[in-house]
Amino acid sequence: MVNAQQEQQIIQETQELVEIPEDTTTTTQDLAPITAADIDIEEPKITEAKAEKSKKTTKDDDIVKERLYTIPLQKAMVRPPKRRSPRAMQLVKIFVAKHMKMATTVTEEDDELPQLIITPEVNEKIWSKGIEKPPRKIRVRVTKDKDDNVTVYLAESE
């Protein structure tokens, strides 16, 4: 324990080192916790235009059709072992194109064909056991947007 005389000596030594004026010494009793009312912070003013921009439009607004499918991949096992996972990827593309009725020819109105996008999660799931052992079936969520672009997601349950 430090007595009052030793405490005063320590305070004097620190004031000499740091050059703190003597009248500014405080004790822990003088310090009060700072509350939110003590600090004047202005809340940012958000205009209506900025609020609308901050609400990011998600792709959920553009979705026309959404389906859940279980895609059978057993036909990939007919291939030689080193060609099974690539064949499983082909089967996913064929299945989705058939069931989502994707256009295969360019019409006069559209300048380009719709895209089929397979997310990395689906790709990783098929290739998870390597090239020789793809899964026998895979559960996917397929969405079609207003431009007829189709995206294949892994179902949330997996």
C-alpha atoms as a PDB file:
ATOM      1  CA  MET A   1       0.000   0.000   0.000  1.00  0.00           C
ATOM      2  CA  VAL A   2       1.140   3.475  -0.798  1.00  0.00           C
ATOM      3  CA  ASN A   3       0.620   6.129   1.829  1.00  0.00           C
ATOM      4  CA  ALA A   4      -0.351   9.740   1.090  1.00  0.00           C
ATOM      5  CA  GLN A   5       3.232  11.055   1.302  1.00  0.00           C
ATOM      6  CA  GLN A   6       4.537   8.500  -1.229  1.00  0.00           C
ATOM      7  CA  GLU A   7       1.576   9.241  -3.505  1.00  0.00           C
ATOM      8  CA  GLN A   8       2.399  12.979  -3.502  1.00  0.00           C
ATOM      9  CA  GLN A   9       6.050  12.195  -4.275  1.00  0.00           C
ATOM     10  CA  ILE A  10       5.049   9.987  -7.242  1.00  0.00           C
ATOM     11  CA  ILE A  11       2.733  12.741  -8.538  1.00  0.00           C
ATOM     12  CA  GLN A  12       5.522  15.330  -8.332  1.00  0.00           C
ATOM     13  CA  GLU A  13       7.958  13.064 -10.200  1.00  0.00           C
ATOM     14  CA  THR A  14       5.486  12.399 -12.987  1.00  0.00           C
ATOM     15  CA  GLN A  15       4.637  16.112 -13.282  1.00  0.00           C
ATOM     16  CA  GLU A  16       8.329  16.916 -13.665  1.00  0.00           C
ATOM     17  CA  LEU A  17       8.746  14.256 -16.347  1.00  0.00           C
ATOM     18  CA  VAL A  18       5.620  15.105 -18.286  1.00  0.00           C
ATOM     19  CA  GLU A  19       5.468  18.802 -17.351  1.00  0.00           C
ATOM     20  CA  ILE A  20       1.850  18.814 -16.277  1.00  0.00           C
ATOM     21  CA  PRO A  21       0.725  21.969 -14.507  1.00  0.00           C
ATOM     22  CA  GLU A  22      -0.127  21.321 -10.869  1.00  0.00           C
ATOM     23  CA  ASP A  23      -3.650  22.713 -11.113  1.00  0.00           C
ATOM     24  CA  THR A  24      -4.741  20.066 -13.629  1.00  0.00           C
ATOM     25  CA  THR A  25      -4.304  17.020 -11.438  1.00  0.00           C
ATOM     26  CA  THR A  26      -7.476  14.967 -11.189  1.00  0.00           C
ATOM     27  CA  THR A  27      -8.565  12.044  -9.180  1.00  0.00           C
ATOM     28  CA  THR A  28     -10.753   9.166 -10.214  1.00  0.00           C
ATOM     29  CA  GLN A  29     -13.625  10.800  -8.352  1.00  0.00           C
ATOM     30  CA  ASP A  30     -13.490  13.808 -10.703  1.00  0.00           C
ATOM     31  CA  LEU A  31     -13.839  11.582 -13.777  1.00  0.00           C
ATOM     32  CA  ALA A  32     -17.384  10.711 -14.687  1.00  0.00           C
ATOM     33  CA  PRO A  33     -18.386   8.248 -17.367  1.00  0.00           C
ATOM     34  CA  ILE A  34     -19.162   9.857 -20.694  1.00  0.00           C
ATOM     35  CA  THR A  35     -22.727   9.449 -21.812  1.00  0.00           C
ATOM     36  CA  ALA A  36     -24.275   9.871 -25.242  1.00  0.00           C
ATOM     37  CA  ALA A  37     -25.875  13.122 -24.093  1.00  0.00           C
ATOM     38  CA  ASP A  38     -22.421  14.601 -23.395  1.00  0.00           C
ATOM     39  CA  ILE A  39     -21.319  14.093 -26.981  1.00  0.00           C
ATOM     40  CA  ASP A  40     -22.940  16.146 -29.709  1.00  0.00           C
ATOM     41  CA  ILE A  41     -23.045  13.872 -32.726  1.00  0.00           C
ATOM     42  CA  GLU A  42     -25.205  14.821 -35.647  1.00  0.00           C
ATOM     43  CA  GLU A  43     -27.069  11.970 -37.240  1.00  0.00           C
ATOM     44  CA  PRO A  44     -26.499  11.754 -40.977  1.00  0.00           C
ATOM     45  CA  LYS A  45     -29.340  13.189 -42.973  1.00  0.00           C
ATOM     46  CA  ILE A  46     -30.568  10.770 -45.595  1.00  0.00           C
ATOM     47  CA  THR A  47     -32.606  12.112 -48.430  1.00  0.00           C
ATOM     48  CA  GLU A  48     -35.242  10.017 -50.115  1.00  0.00           C
ATOM     49  CA  ALA A  49     -33.122   9.608 -53.239  1.00  0.00           C
ATOM     50  CA  LYS A  50     -30.176   8.317 -51.247  1.00  0.00           C
ATOM     51  CA  ALA A  51     -32.444   5.976 -49.296  1.00  0.00           C
ATOM     52  CA  GLU A  52     -33.712   4.453 -52.522  1.00  0.00           C
ATOM     53  CA  LYS A  53     -30.160   4.021 -53.831  1.00  0.00           C
ATOM     54  CA  SER A  54     -29.068   2.405 -50.582  1.00  0.00           C
ATOM     55  CA  LYS A  55     -31.768  -0.222 -50.977  1.00  0.00           C
ATOM     56  CA  LYS A  56     -29.921  -2.426 -53.374  1.00  0.00           C
ATOM     57  CA  THR A  57     -32.140  -4.067 -55.905  1.00  0.00           C
ATOM     58  CA  THR A  58     -31.586  -7.747 -55.594  1.00  0.00           C
ATOM     59  CA  LYS A  59     -31.844 -10.273 -58.337  1.00  0.00           C
ATOM     60  CA  ASP A  60     -34.965 -11.573 -56.616  1.00  0.00           C
ATOM     61  CA  ASP A  61     -36.853  -8.727 -58.290  1.00  0.00           C
ATOM     62  CA  ASP A  62     -35.765  -9.939 -61.732  1.00  0.00           C
ATOM     63  CA  ILE A  63     -36.668 -13.614 -61.187  1.00  0.00           C
ATOM     64  CA  VAL A  64     -39.506 -14.814 -63.387  1.00  0.00           C
ATOM     65  CA  LYS A  65     -39.425 -18.519 -62.545  1.00  0.00           C
ATOM     66  CA  GLU A  66     -37.777 -20.481 -59.726  1.00  0.00           C
ATOM     67  CA  ARG A  67     -37.830 -24.254 -59.341  1.00  0.00           C
ATOM     68  CA  LEU A  68     -36.237 -26.931 -57.183  1.00  0.00           C
ATOM     69  CA  TYR A  69     -34.976 -30.014 -59.003  1.00  0.00           C
ATOM     70  CA  THR A  70     -33.220 -33.233 -58.106  1.00  0.00           C
ATOM     71  CA  ILE A  71     -30.974 -33.914 -61.080  1.00  0.00           C
ATOM     72  CA  PRO A  72     -30.065 -37.593 -61.623  1.00  0.00           C
ATOM     73  CA  LEU A  73     -26.408 -38.014 -62.515  1.00  0.00           C
ATOM     74  CA  GLN A  74     -26.274 -41.813 -62.751  1.00  0.00           C
ATOM     75  CA  LYS A  75     -25.676 -41.716 -66.507  1.00  0.00           C
ATOM     76  CA  ALA A  76     -22.265 -40.186 -65.781  1.00  0.00           C
ATOM     77  CA  MET A  77     -21.200 -43.537 -64.318  1.00  0.00           C
ATOM     78  CA  VAL A  78     -21.433 -45.125 -67.778  1.00  0.00           C
ATOM     79  CA  ARG A  79     -18.411 -43.089 -68.866  1.00  0.00           C
ATOM     80  CA  PRO A  80     -14.797 -44.106 -68.195  1.00  0.00           C
ATOM     81  CA  PRO A  81     -13.652 -43.127 -64.691  1.00  0.00           C
ATOM     82  CA  LYS A  82     -11.618 -40.095 -65.806  1.00  0.00           C
ATOM     83  CA  ARG A  83     -14.582 -38.567 -67.681  1.00  0.00           C
ATOM     84  CA  ARG A  84     -17.365 -38.923 -65.118  1.00  0.00           C
ATOM     85  CA  SER A  85     -17.395 -35.509 -63.412  1.00  0.00           C
ATOM     86  CA  PRO A  86     -17.172 -33.616 -66.730  1.00  0.00           C
ATOM     87  CA  ARG A  87     -20.083 -35.749 -67.978  1.00  0.00           C
ATOM     88  CA  ALA A  88     -22.028 -34.959 -64.791  1.00  0.00           C
ATOM     89  CA  MET A  89     -21.579 -31.238 -65.526  1.00  0.00           C
ATOM     90  CA  GLN A  90     -22.881 -31.829 -69.059  1.00  0.00           C
ATOM     91  CA  LEU A  91     -25.889 -33.676 -67.634  1.00  0.00           C
ATOM     92  CA  VAL A  92     -26.692 -30.724 -65.367  1.00  0.00           C
ATOM     93  CA  LYS A  93     -26.608 -28.344 -68.345  1.00  0.00           C
ATOM     94  CA  ILE A  94     -28.758 -30.640 -70.499  1.00  0.00           C
ATOM     95  CA  PHE A  95     -31.304 -31.193 -67.703  1.00  0.00           C
ATOM     96  CA  VAL A  96     -31.646 -27.504 -66.877  1.00  0.00           C
ATOM     97  CA  ALA A  97     -31.884 -26.433 -70.517  1.00  0.00           C
ATOM     98  CA  LYS A  98     -34.640 -28.984 -71.099  1.00  0.00           C
ATOM     99  CA  HIS A  99     -36.713 -28.273 -67.986  1.00  0.00           C
ATOM    100  CA  MET A 100     -36.407 -24.473 -68.073  1.00  0.00           C
ATOM    101  CA  LYS A 101     -37.201 -24.420 -71.804  1.00  0.00           C
ATOM    102  CA  MET A 102     -34.160 -22.391 -72.817  1.00  0.00           C
ATOM    103  CA  ALA A 103     -34.052 -21.015 -76.343  1.00  0.00           C
ATOM    104  CA  THR A 104     -31.461 -22.714 -78.544  1.00  0.00           C
ATOM    105  CA  THR A 105     -31.736 -20.434 -81.594  1.00  0.00           C
ATOM    106  CA  VAL A 106     -31.413 -16.692 -81.959  1.00  0.00           C
ATOM    107  CA  THR A 107     -34.606 -14.878 -82.935  1.00  0.00           C
ATOM    108  CA  GLU A 108     -34.833 -11.546 -84.716  1.00  0.00           C
ATOM    109  CA  GLU A 109     -35.935  -9.773 -81.541  1.00  0.00           C
ATOM    110  CA  ASP A 110     -33.073 -11.068 -79.400  1.00  0.00           C
ATOM    111  CA  ASP A 111     -29.496 -10.459 -80.456  1.00  0.00           C
ATOM    112  CA  GLU A 112     -28.011 -13.196 -78.302  1.00  0.00           C
ATOM    113  CA  LEU A 113     -28.889 -16.506 -76.709  1.00  0.00           C
ATOM    114  CA  PRO A 114     -29.785 -16.675 -73.014  1.00  0.00           C
ATOM    115  CA  GLN A 115     -26.971 -17.766 -70.716  1.00  0.00           C
ATOM    116  CA  LEU A 116     -26.866 -20.821 -68.491  1.00  0.00           C
ATOM    117  CA  ILE A 117     -24.877 -20.013 -65.352  1.00  0.00           C
ATOM    118  CA  ILE A 118     -23.824 -22.758 -62.950  1.00  0.00           C
ATOM    119  CA  THR A 119     -22.654 -21.363 -59.621  1.00  0.00           C
ATOM    120  CA  PRO A 120     -19.317 -22.440 -58.125  1.00  0.00           C
ATOM    121  CA  GLU A 121     -21.141 -24.204 -55.247  1.00  0.00           C
ATOM    122  CA  VAL A 122     -22.806 -26.634 -57.668  1.00  0.00           C
ATOM    123  CA  ASN A 123     -19.506 -27.171 -59.475  1.00  0.00           C
ATOM    124  CA  GLU A 124     -17.673 -27.857 -56.197  1.00  0.00           C
ATOM    125  CA  LYS A 125     -20.395 -30.280 -55.067  1.00  0.00           C
ATOM    126  CA  ILE A 126     -20.075 -32.330 -58.272  1.00  0.00           C
ATOM    127  CA  TRP A 127     -16.278 -32.312 -58.168  1.00  0.00           C
ATOM    128  CA  SER A 128     -16.052 -32.802 -54.354  1.00  0.00           C
ATOM    129  CA  LYS A 129     -15.046 -36.501 -54.572  1.00  0.00           C
ATOM    130  CA  GLY A 130     -12.846 -35.997 -57.618  1.00  0.00           C
ATOM    131  CA  ILE A 131     -13.149 -36.774 -61.299  1.00  0.00           C
ATOM    132  CA  GLU A 132     -13.965 -40.469 -60.878  1.00  0.00           C
ATOM    133  CA  LYS A 133     -16.792 -40.322 -58.307  1.00  0.00           C
ATOM    134  CA  PRO A 134     -19.414 -37.617 -58.906  1.00  0.00           C
ATOM    135  CA  PRO A 135     -22.592 -37.812 -56.791  1.00  0.00           C
ATOM    136  CA  ARG A 136     -25.462 -39.999 -58.082  1.00  0.00           C
ATOM    137  CA  LYS A 137     -27.892 -37.091 -57.821  1.00  0.00           C
ATOM    138  CA  ILE A 138     -27.812 -33.438 -56.851  1.00  0.00           C
ATOM    139  CA  ARG A 139     -30.502 -31.102 -55.469  1.00  0.00           C
ATOM    140  CA  VAL A 140     -30.490 -27.648 -57.092  1.00  0.00           C
ATOM    141  CA  ARG A 141     -32.513 -24.431 -57.205  1.00  0.00           C
ATOM    142  CA  VAL A 142     -32.882 -23.067 -60.722  1.00  0.00           C
ATOM    143  CA  THR A 143     -33.950 -19.478 -61.459  1.00  0.00           C
ATOM    144  CA  LYS A 144     -34.871 -17.813 -64.723  1.00  0.00           C
ATOM    145  CA  ASP A 145     -34.776 -14.014 -65.010  1.00  0.00           C
ATOM    146  CA  LYS A 146     -36.673 -11.705 -67.328  1.00  0.00           C
ATOM    147  CA  ASP A 147     -33.915 -11.906 -69.976  1.00  0.00           C
ATOM    148  CA  ASP A 148     -34.322 -15.730 -70.010  1.00  0.00           C
ATOM    149  CA  ASN A 149     -30.897 -16.207 -68.391  1.00  0.00           C
ATOM    150  CA  VAL A 150     -30.891 -19.313 -66.196  1.00  0.00           C
ATOM    151  CA  THR A 151     -28.831 -19.667 -62.998  1.00  0.00           C
ATOM    152  CA  VAL A 152     -28.300 -22.954 -61.151  1.00  0.00           C
ATOM    153  CA  TYR A 153     -27.746 -22.734 -57.372  1.00  0.00           C
ATOM    154  CA  LEU A 154     -27.146 -25.501 -54.851  1.00  0.00           C
ATOM    155  CA  ALA A 155     -30.304 -26.083 -52.783  1.00  0.00           C
ATOM    156  CA  GLU A 156     -30.090 -24.466 -49.322  1.00  0.00           C
ATOM    157  CA  SER A 157     -30.654 -27.715 -47.451  1.00  0.00           C
ATOM    158  CA  GLU A 158     -27.240 -28.984 -48.502  1.00  0.00           C
END
